[in-house]
Protein backbone atom coordinates (compact mmCIF):
# COMPACT_ATOMS: atom_id res chain seq x y z
CA UNK A 1 38.22 32.98 42.14
CA UNK A 2 35.90 31.62 39.44
CA UNK A 3 32.44 30.41 40.49
CA UNK A 4 32.41 26.91 41.95
CA UNK A 5 30.17 25.60 39.21
CA UNK A 6 32.76 26.38 36.52
CA UNK A 7 35.48 24.02 37.67
CA UNK A 8 37.61 22.43 34.95
CA UNK A 9 37.00 18.90 33.72
CA UNK A 10 39.09 16.55 31.64
CA UNK A 11 36.76 16.83 28.68
CA UNK A 12 37.10 18.46 25.25
CA UNK A 13 36.41 22.19 25.39
CA UNK A 14 33.62 23.65 23.27
CA UNK A 15 34.71 25.33 20.07
CA UNK A 16 33.48 28.71 19.00
CA UNK A 17 30.88 28.83 16.21
CA UNK A 18 32.30 29.29 12.73
CA UNK A 19 29.51 31.42 11.30
CA UNK A 20 30.75 33.70 8.55
CA UNK A 21 28.90 36.96 8.18
CA UNK A 22 28.62 38.90 4.97
CA UNK A 23 31.07 41.71 4.41
CA UNK A 24 28.56 44.50 3.84
CA UNK A 25 26.21 45.94 6.45
CA UNK A 26 23.12 45.07 4.39
CA UNK A 27 24.21 41.47 3.98
CA UNK A 28 25.11 41.30 7.66
CA UNK A 29 21.66 42.51 8.63
CA UNK A 30 20.14 39.71 6.54
CA UNK A 31 22.37 37.18 8.28
CA UNK A 32 21.42 38.68 11.62
CA UNK A 33 17.74 38.21 10.83
CA UNK A 34 18.41 34.50 10.71
CA UNK A 35 20.51 34.63 13.88
CA UNK A 36 17.59 36.09 15.81
CA UNK A 37 15.59 32.89 15.24
CA UNK A 38 16.23 30.68 18.26
CA UNK A 39 18.90 28.09 17.59
CA UNK A 40 19.31 27.31 21.27
CA UNK A 41 18.18 24.41 23.38
CA UNK A 42 17.20 26.41 26.36
CA UNK A 43 17.46 29.43 25.02
CA UNK A 44 19.94 32.06 25.22
CA UNK A 45 18.93 35.67 24.48
CA UNK A 46 18.56 36.65 20.81
CA UNK A 47 21.23 38.88 19.40
CA UNK A 48 22.15 40.90 16.34
CA UNK A 49 25.66 40.59 14.97
CA UNK A 50 27.05 42.49 12.02
CA UNK A 51 30.41 43.41 10.48
CA UNK A 52 31.21 46.86 9.10
CA UNK A 53 32.36 46.97 5.52
CA UNK A 54 33.84 50.46 5.94
CA UNK A 55 34.73 52.94 8.64
CA UNK A 56 31.69 54.43 10.37
CA UNK A 57 31.33 58.19 10.40
CA UNK A 58 29.44 58.17 13.69
CA UNK A 59 30.10 56.74 17.17
CA UNK A 60 28.83 53.37 18.34
CA UNK A 61 25.60 54.56 20.00
CA UNK A 62 24.52 56.48 16.89
CA UNK A 63 25.47 53.61 14.61
CA UNK A 64 23.29 51.27 16.68
CA UNK A 65 20.32 53.60 16.36
CA UNK A 66 20.27 52.83 12.65
CA UNK A 67 19.82 49.14 13.45
CA UNK A 68 17.63 49.36 16.58
CA UNK A 69 15.10 51.96 15.47
CA UNK A 70 12.63 51.37 18.28
CA UNK A 71 15.20 52.28 20.97
CA UNK A 72 16.14 55.81 21.98
CA UNK A 73 19.78 56.90 22.11
CA UNK A 74 19.56 56.99 25.91
CA UNK A 75 18.29 53.40 25.98
CA UNK A 76 21.09 52.32 23.67
CA UNK A 77 23.68 54.05 25.87
CA UNK A 78 22.29 52.26 28.91
CA UNK A 79 22.39 48.99 27.00
CA UNK A 80 26.06 49.56 26.19
CA UNK A 81 26.82 50.44 29.83
CA UNK A 82 25.18 47.22 31.03
CA UNK A 83 27.33 45.10 28.73
CA UNK A 84 24.64 44.34 26.17
CA UNK A 85 26.91 45.44 23.32
CA UNK A 86 30.35 44.18 22.37
CA UNK A 87 32.72 45.20 19.61
CA UNK A 88 35.11 42.47 18.45
CA UNK A 89 34.18 40.45 21.52
CA UNK A 90 35.06 43.21 24.00
CA UNK A 91 33.07 45.71 26.03
CA UNK A 92 32.71 49.09 24.38
CA UNK A 93 31.76 52.68 25.14
CA UNK A 94 29.01 54.74 23.52
CA UNK A 95 31.73 56.94 22.03
CA UNK A 96 33.63 54.04 20.45
CA UNK A 97 34.51 54.76 16.82
CA UNK A 98 33.82 51.83 14.53
CA UNK A 99 36.20 50.81 11.76
CA UNK A 100 35.98 48.54 8.74
CA UNK A 101 36.04 44.92 9.80
CA UNK A 102 34.72 45.58 13.33
CA UNK A 103 32.09 43.07 14.45
CA UNK A 104 29.29 44.49 16.59
CA UNK A 105 27.32 42.04 18.75
CA UNK A 106 24.12 43.26 20.40
CA UNK A 107 21.65 41.41 22.64
CA UNK A 108 18.41 42.90 21.32
CA UNK A 109 14.91 41.61 20.51
CA UNK A 110 12.64 42.81 17.69
CA UNK A 111 9.40 44.84 18.00
CA UNK A 112 6.43 43.93 20.24
CA UNK A 113 3.14 42.42 19.24
CA UNK A 114 0.09 42.72 21.52
CA UNK A 115 -1.11 43.03 25.05
CA UNK A 116 -0.97 40.00 27.33
CA UNK A 117 -4.02 38.75 29.16
CA UNK A 118 -3.33 37.61 32.76
CA UNK A 119 -4.36 33.97 33.12
CA UNK A 120 -4.53 31.84 36.30
CA UNK A 121 -1.96 29.31 35.07
CA UNK A 122 -0.49 27.36 38.01
CA UNK A 123 3.14 28.31 38.63
CA UNK A 124 5.60 26.49 40.86
CA UNK A 125 7.71 29.41 42.12
CA UNK A 126 11.10 28.28 43.44
CA UNK A 127 12.49 31.73 44.29
CA UNK A 128 11.62 35.40 43.84
CA UNK A 129 13.24 38.71 44.71
CA UNK A 130 13.25 42.21 43.25
CA UNK A 131 15.54 41.16 40.38
CA UNK A 132 14.07 37.94 39.04
CA UNK A 133 11.69 35.06 39.58
CA UNK A 134 12.57 31.36 39.24
CA UNK A 135 9.88 28.84 38.30
CA UNK A 136 9.66 25.10 37.79
CA UNK A 137 7.96 24.98 34.38
CA UNK A 138 5.46 22.21 33.71
CA UNK A 139 5.14 20.19 30.49
CA UNK A 140 2.91 21.62 27.78
CA UNK A 141 3.54 25.25 28.75
CA UNK A 142 4.94 27.53 26.05
CA UNK A 143 7.37 30.09 27.45
CA UNK A 144 6.31 32.99 25.23
CA UNK A 145 3.95 33.50 22.24
CA UNK A 146 4.83 31.62 19.07
CA UNK A 147 3.08 31.79 15.72
CA UNK A 148 0.70 34.44 17.04
CA UNK A 149 -0.46 32.49 20.11
CA UNK A 150 -0.87 35.14 22.82
CA UNK A 151 -2.58 33.00 25.47
CA UNK A 152 -1.68 30.00 27.57
CA UNK A 153 2.00 30.94 27.92
CA UNK A 154 4.29 31.31 30.89
CA UNK A 155 4.12 35.09 30.46
CA UNK A 156 0.33 35.04 30.76
CA UNK A 157 0.74 33.08 33.99
CA UNK A 158 3.36 35.53 35.27
CA UNK A 159 1.10 38.47 34.39
CA UNK A 160 -1.58 36.91 36.59
CA UNK A 161 0.98 36.21 39.34
CA UNK A 162 2.00 39.86 39.45
CA UNK A 163 -1.60 41.00 39.20
CA UNK A 164 -2.35 39.04 42.36
CA UNK A 165 0.64 40.65 44.06
CA UNK A 166 -0.47 44.11 42.92
CA UNK A 167 -4.01 43.55 44.20
CA UNK A 168 -2.62 43.68 47.72
CA UNK A 169 -1.54 47.29 47.22
CA UNK A 170 -3.83 50.34 47.64
CA UNK A 171 -3.41 51.31 43.98
CA UNK A 172 -3.47 48.43 41.51
CA UNK A 173 -1.58 49.23 38.29
CA UNK A 174 -2.58 47.92 34.89
CA UNK A 175 -0.65 44.65 34.64
CA UNK A 176 -0.37 44.28 30.86
CA UNK A 177 0.03 47.08 28.31
CA UNK A 178 -0.60 47.44 24.59
CA UNK A 179 3.12 47.62 23.85
CA UNK A 180 3.57 44.07 25.20
CA UNK A 181 5.06 45.07 28.55
CA UNK A 182 3.93 43.47 31.81
CA UNK A 183 4.05 45.10 35.23
CA UNK A 184 6.55 43.20 37.35
CA UNK A 185 8.69 42.02 34.41
CA UNK A 186 11.68 43.57 32.70
CA UNK A 187 10.80 45.76 29.73
CA UNK A 188 13.52 44.05 27.73
CA UNK A 189 12.01 41.55 25.36
CA UNK A 190 8.68 43.30 24.89
CA UNK A 191 9.56 43.81 21.23
CA UNK A 192 9.32 40.08 20.69
CA UNK A 193 6.31 39.56 23.03
CA UNK A 194 8.49 38.02 25.75
CA UNK A 195 9.11 40.57 28.47
CA UNK A 196 11.64 39.43 31.02
CA UNK A 197 12.45 36.15 29.26
CA UNK A 198 16.17 35.47 29.65
CA UNK A 199 16.22 31.89 28.27
CA UNK A 200 13.76 29.31 27.00
CA UNK A 201 12.72 25.70 27.34
CA UNK A 202 10.80 23.65 24.79
CA UNK A 203 7.05 23.32 25.33
CA UNK A 204 7.35 19.80 26.75
CA UNK A 205 10.65 20.23 28.58
CA UNK A 206 10.00 20.77 32.27
CA UNK A 207 12.17 22.37 34.90
CA UNK A 208 13.91 25.45 36.22
CA UNK A 209 13.59 28.78 34.40
CA UNK A 210 14.63 32.27 35.43
CA UNK A 211 12.68 35.37 34.35
CA UNK A 212 13.95 38.91 34.93
CA UNK A 213 11.83 41.51 36.71
CA UNK A 214 14.00 44.55 35.99
CA UNK A 215 16.10 45.70 33.04
CA UNK A 216 19.57 45.78 34.59
CA UNK A 217 19.49 42.26 36.03
CA UNK A 218 17.96 41.09 32.75
CA UNK A 219 20.96 42.25 30.72
CA UNK A 220 23.45 40.89 33.22
CA UNK A 221 21.74 37.50 33.38
CA UNK A 222 21.46 37.44 29.59
CA UNK A 223 25.21 37.96 29.29
CA UNK A 224 25.82 34.95 31.58
CA UNK A 225 23.73 32.78 29.25
CA UNK A 226 25.37 34.29 26.18
CA UNK A 227 28.87 33.68 27.54
CA UNK A 228 28.02 30.22 28.94
CA UNK A 229 29.29 31.17 32.39
CA UNK A 230 26.26 29.70 34.11
CA UNK A 231 25.46 26.04 34.82
CA UNK A 232 22.63 24.05 33.27
CA UNK A 233 22.08 20.40 34.14
CA UNK A 234 19.22 18.18 32.99
CA UNK A 235 17.86 14.74 33.88
CA UNK A 236 16.49 12.38 31.24
CA UNK A 237 15.12 8.86 31.26
CA UNK A 238 16.57 7.12 28.18
CA UNK A 239 16.24 3.77 26.45
CA UNK A 240 19.08 1.43 27.37
CA UNK A 241 22.25 2.59 29.09
CA UNK A 242 25.09 4.53 27.49
CA UNK A 243 28.48 2.82 27.51
CA UNK A 244 30.73 4.17 28.96
CA UNK A 245 28.53 5.60 31.72
CA UNK A 246 30.03 9.06 31.39
CA UNK A 247 31.42 11.03 28.48
CA UNK A 248 30.93 13.77 25.92
CA UNK A 249 28.93 13.98 22.72
CA UNK A 250 30.53 16.56 20.45
CA UNK A 251 28.63 16.55 17.18
CA UNK A 252 27.54 19.54 15.05
CA UNK A 253 23.80 20.21 14.72
CA UNK A 254 21.69 21.80 11.98
CA UNK A 255 18.18 21.54 10.54
CA UNK A 256 17.14 18.07 9.49
CA UNK A 257 17.41 17.80 5.69
CA UNK A 258 13.90 16.38 5.16
CA UNK A 259 11.82 16.68 8.35
CA UNK A 260 10.84 20.27 9.03
CA UNK A 261 10.23 19.90 12.78
CA UNK A 262 13.56 18.20 13.49
CA UNK A 263 17.24 18.94 13.90
CA UNK A 264 20.03 16.52 13.05
CA UNK A 265 23.72 15.82 13.44
CA UNK A 266 25.25 17.13 10.24
CA UNK A 267 28.79 17.71 9.05
CA UNK A 268 28.32 20.50 6.54
CA UNK A 269 28.47 24.28 6.38
CA UNK A 270 24.99 24.70 7.90
CA UNK A 271 25.87 22.92 11.15
CA UNK A 272 26.97 24.53 14.39
CA UNK A 273 29.29 23.06 17.00
CA UNK A 274 27.47 21.36 19.88
CA UNK A 275 28.83 19.68 23.01
CA UNK A 276 26.85 17.75 25.62
CA UNK A 277 28.31 15.98 28.65
CA UNK A 278 26.42 12.95 29.95
CA UNK A 279 26.56 10.94 33.17
CA UNK A 280 24.53 7.79 33.95
CA UNK A 281 23.11 8.25 37.45
CA UNK A 282 20.83 5.18 37.81
CA UNK A 283 20.35 1.99 35.81
CA UNK A 284 17.12 0.02 35.34
CA UNK A 285 16.04 -2.97 33.25
CA UNK A 286 16.09 -1.55 29.74
CA UNK A 287 16.40 2.09 30.78
CA UNK A 288 18.61 4.54 32.66
CA UNK A 289 18.50 7.94 34.31
CA UNK A 290 21.09 10.23 32.75
CA UNK A 291 22.35 13.66 33.82
CA UNK A 292 23.17 16.03 30.96
CA UNK A 293 25.27 19.18 31.12
CA UNK A 294 25.03 21.65 28.25
CA UNK A 295 28.21 23.31 27.04
CA UNK A 296 26.48 24.80 24.00
CA UNK A 297 22.80 25.43 23.42
CA UNK A 298 21.51 24.35 20.03
CA UNK A 299 17.87 23.64 19.29
CA UNK A 300 16.93 20.17 20.62
CA UNK A 301 20.60 19.56 21.41
CA UNK A 302 20.13 17.02 24.20
CA UNK A 303 17.44 15.13 22.30
CA UNK A 304 19.49 14.97 19.10
CA UNK A 305 22.71 13.93 20.85
CA UNK A 306 21.05 11.16 22.90
CA UNK A 307 19.32 9.85 19.78
CA UNK A 308 22.69 9.90 17.98
CA UNK A 309 24.15 7.82 20.82
CA UNK A 310 21.45 5.19 20.22
CA UNK A 311 19.79 6.00 23.56
CA UNK A 312 16.84 8.28 22.75
CA UNK A 313 14.79 9.87 25.49
CA UNK A 314 11.74 7.91 26.60
CA UNK A 315 8.62 9.51 25.11
CA UNK A 316 10.64 11.53 22.57
CA UNK A 317 8.64 10.35 19.57
CA UNK A 318 10.25 12.80 17.14
CA UNK A 319 13.79 11.54 17.76
CA UNK A 320 13.09 7.82 17.95
CA UNK A 321 12.05 7.37 21.56
CA UNK A 322 8.98 5.33 22.43
CA UNK A 323 5.93 6.06 24.63
CA UNK A 324 6.16 4.07 27.85
CA UNK A 325 3.36 2.36 29.78
CA UNK A 326 3.06 -0.60 32.11
CA UNK A 327 3.72 -3.23 29.49
CA UNK A 328 6.90 -1.47 28.30
CA UNK A 329 8.31 -1.51 31.83
CA UNK A 330 8.68 -5.27 31.94
CA UNK A 331 9.28 -5.71 28.19
CA UNK A 332 11.40 -2.73 27.11
CA UNK A 333 10.92 -2.02 23.39
CA UNK A 334 13.78 -1.55 20.96
CA UNK A 335 13.52 2.20 20.20
CA UNK A 336 13.46 3.35 16.61
CA UNK A 337 16.69 5.31 17.22
CA UNK A 338 18.60 2.36 18.69
CA UNK A 339 21.47 2.43 16.20
CA UNK A 340 24.39 4.46 17.51
CA UNK A 341 26.15 7.14 15.51
CA UNK A 342 23.17 7.61 13.21
CA UNK A 343 20.75 10.50 12.82
CA UNK A 344 17.08 9.58 13.20
CA UNK A 345 13.83 11.55 13.12
CA UNK A 346 10.27 10.27 12.66
CA UNK A 347 8.09 11.69 9.90
CA UNK A 348 5.25 13.76 11.37
CA UNK A 349 2.42 11.50 10.20
CA UNK A 350 4.08 8.43 11.72
CA UNK A 351 4.78 10.29 14.96
CA UNK A 352 1.21 11.58 15.21
CA UNK A 353 -0.20 8.07 14.83
CA UNK A 354 2.19 6.66 17.43
CA UNK A 355 1.22 9.41 19.87
CA UNK A 356 -2.52 8.96 19.24
CA UNK A 357 -2.27 5.20 19.78
CA UNK A 358 -0.39 5.78 23.05
CA UNK A 359 -2.86 8.36 24.32
CA UNK A 360 -5.70 5.90 23.73
CA UNK A 361 -4.18 3.61 26.36
CA UNK A 362 -4.89 4.06 30.08
CA UNK A 363 -1.51 2.76 31.29
CA UNK A 364 0.80 5.29 29.61
CA UNK A 365 3.31 7.29 31.69
CA UNK A 366 5.15 9.35 29.07
CA UNK A 367 4.17 10.42 25.54
CA UNK A 368 6.38 13.51 25.70
CA UNK A 369 10.16 13.56 26.25
CA UNK A 370 11.16 12.53 29.78
CA UNK A 371 13.53 15.50 29.94
CA UNK A 372 13.76 17.86 32.92
CA UNK A 373 15.90 20.98 33.47
CA UNK A 374 16.84 19.96 36.99
CA UNK A 375 19.45 22.55 37.96
CA UNK A 376 20.43 26.10 37.10
CA UNK A 377 23.44 27.88 38.56
CA UNK A 378 23.87 31.64 38.16
CA UNK A 379 25.67 34.56 39.73
CA UNK A 380 23.22 37.06 41.20
CA UNK A 381 23.41 40.14 38.96
CA UNK A 382 22.77 42.62 41.79
CA UNK A 383 24.58 41.01 44.72
CA UNK A 384 28.24 41.11 43.78
CA UNK A 385 27.98 37.94 41.70
CA UNK A 386 26.76 35.83 44.62
CA UNK A 387 26.49 32.23 43.44
CA UNK A 388 23.00 30.75 43.46
CA UNK A 389 21.97 27.24 42.47
CA UNK A 390 18.30 26.27 41.96
CA UNK A 391 17.08 22.68 41.83
CA UNK A 392 13.62 21.98 40.40
CA UNK A 393 11.82 18.82 41.62
CA UNK A 394 10.73 16.53 38.79
CA UNK A 395 7.03 16.74 37.89
CA UNK A 396 4.54 13.95 38.54
CA UNK A 397 4.50 12.03 35.23
CA UNK A 398 8.26 11.66 34.98
CA UNK A 399 8.53 11.14 38.72
CA UNK A 400 6.00 8.27 38.60
CA UNK A 401 7.92 6.70 35.73
CA UNK A 402 11.21 6.85 37.65
CA UNK A 403 9.54 5.39 40.77
CA UNK A 404 8.28 2.45 38.68
CA UNK A 405 11.72 1.94 37.08
CA UNK A 406 13.43 2.00 40.46
CA UNK A 407 11.47 -1.17 41.24
CA UNK A 408 13.41 -2.75 38.35
CA UNK A 409 17.07 -1.90 39.10
CA UNK A 410 19.89 -3.20 36.90
CA UNK A 411 23.53 -3.84 37.70
CA UNK A 412 26.33 -2.04 35.95
CA UNK A 413 28.55 1.03 36.21
CA UNK A 414 27.18 4.48 37.01
CA UNK A 415 28.88 7.82 37.58
CA UNK A 416 29.61 8.24 41.29
CA UNK A 417 31.43 11.59 41.27
CA UNK A 418 31.66 14.79 39.24
CA UNK A 419 27.92 15.19 38.85
CA UNK A 420 25.84 18.25 39.68
CA UNK A 421 22.25 17.19 40.41
CA UNK A 422 21.38 16.05 43.93
CA UNK A 423 18.82 13.31 43.22
CA UNK A 424 17.39 13.56 46.73
CA UNK A 425 16.42 17.17 45.94
CA UNK A 426 15.31 16.56 42.36
CA UNK A 427 13.27 13.49 43.42
CA UNK A 428 12.14 14.34 46.98
C-alpha cells in the first residue's frame, strides 16, 4: 500500500523536466555544474547528471570515480548500494556496464570549505533519534553557508546542539573538523559545507526541516525528496482571497529576465515545469490564510505562483507583497502584484526603501514573507518505511498577525476537506 500522504487527487499531474543535456561527457559535466546550483524551493539534494557519448570501457563505480574525485571507490560503491545512483532512471549495480546514451544521475555534493564553529543559536527541536533531527526553523536563519558565510547558520546551531549532548559523555569529541564535518551529523554534504542537510528553506521561510545524522538515512531521505514521494505543506498569509478557493497553479519558472534576485513565470526554453496546489483555509477582511502543497520544488516557487495569481504573500516585498502593520489591518492596501496572470518583481532599490520605511515604524508585524513550512511527511529510512508526519507551530510574528486577522473575519468559501495541515496544531 502506498503511504497515506500520497493519495490521488483530481488535479493535473506534474510533468517531468525537459532539460536536454549535451551529448558529450565534457558538455554534460558543464551542464551538471549548473544543475548543482539550487533550483529548488525547499531544497532537494543537489545532483550530477550526465549522458555518455560512447560506450564506457569501465564499470559504473570506476566511471563515477572520474567524476567524484574526492570519494573513494568503496564510498562510491556504498553510495550505489544505498540508491544514490541511477542509470536511465533505474537502480544500478557497481558492476553495471555503461553504454552510449546512458544517463547517469548521482546525488552528490561538491568539495568542503572550512570548519564550523559551534554557536548557541536557539533551536526548536521537534523530534530527534539516531537517524535524523527535525527542527522548526526561525526566520532570518540561513540553513548552510552561502557566499562564504560560515557563521550564524543552522549548521552552526546544530554543531552547538551536539556539542552540548557530547559534553554529557566522559570523553567529549571534537564537534567540528577542518574538512567541514560535524560530529552528530551525516558526513554527506561536507563537500559543500552542509553536512547532514537533506533539503533547504529560504532564509526568511520558517518551519519544519529534517537534517540527517548518519549517512545511510541521509541518502534514503534524499531519495524521497528527489523522487517527490514525501509530503510538504506550507501556510501563507496572502493579500486578498484566491477564487476559486482551491486549485492548482501550473506555470513554468525560470530566472527573472531583469531582476537578479528574482524568479519569474516564463514560457521559454530556460523555464522548468512547476506545480503548486493551493487551498484557502481562512478568510479575513482583505487577506486570507492559504495552504500550499508543493508538487515540484523550484526556487521561490510558492512566492512566484501566488504573485502570479494576483495574491502575493504578505511581507513578500520582492514579489509584490506589502509590509503589514496596524493601519494595514483595517485598510488593506492594494499590493503591487495585484494583477492576476502577470509576473511581478520589485527592483532591489525600491524594495530596500520599502523595507526600511516599514522597519522605521513601531506597529509592523511582517516585513518578510508570511510563509511557513507547516508540515513534512516522510517514511522513516531505518524503520521499514514507517510513516511520520511533523507539524511545526507558526512562529510569533506570523502567529500574531494571524491572531489580529482572525478578529476581522470575512465571509466566503473556504476549503473544508482534502487539506493536510491541522490548524489547531500549527496555531496552538
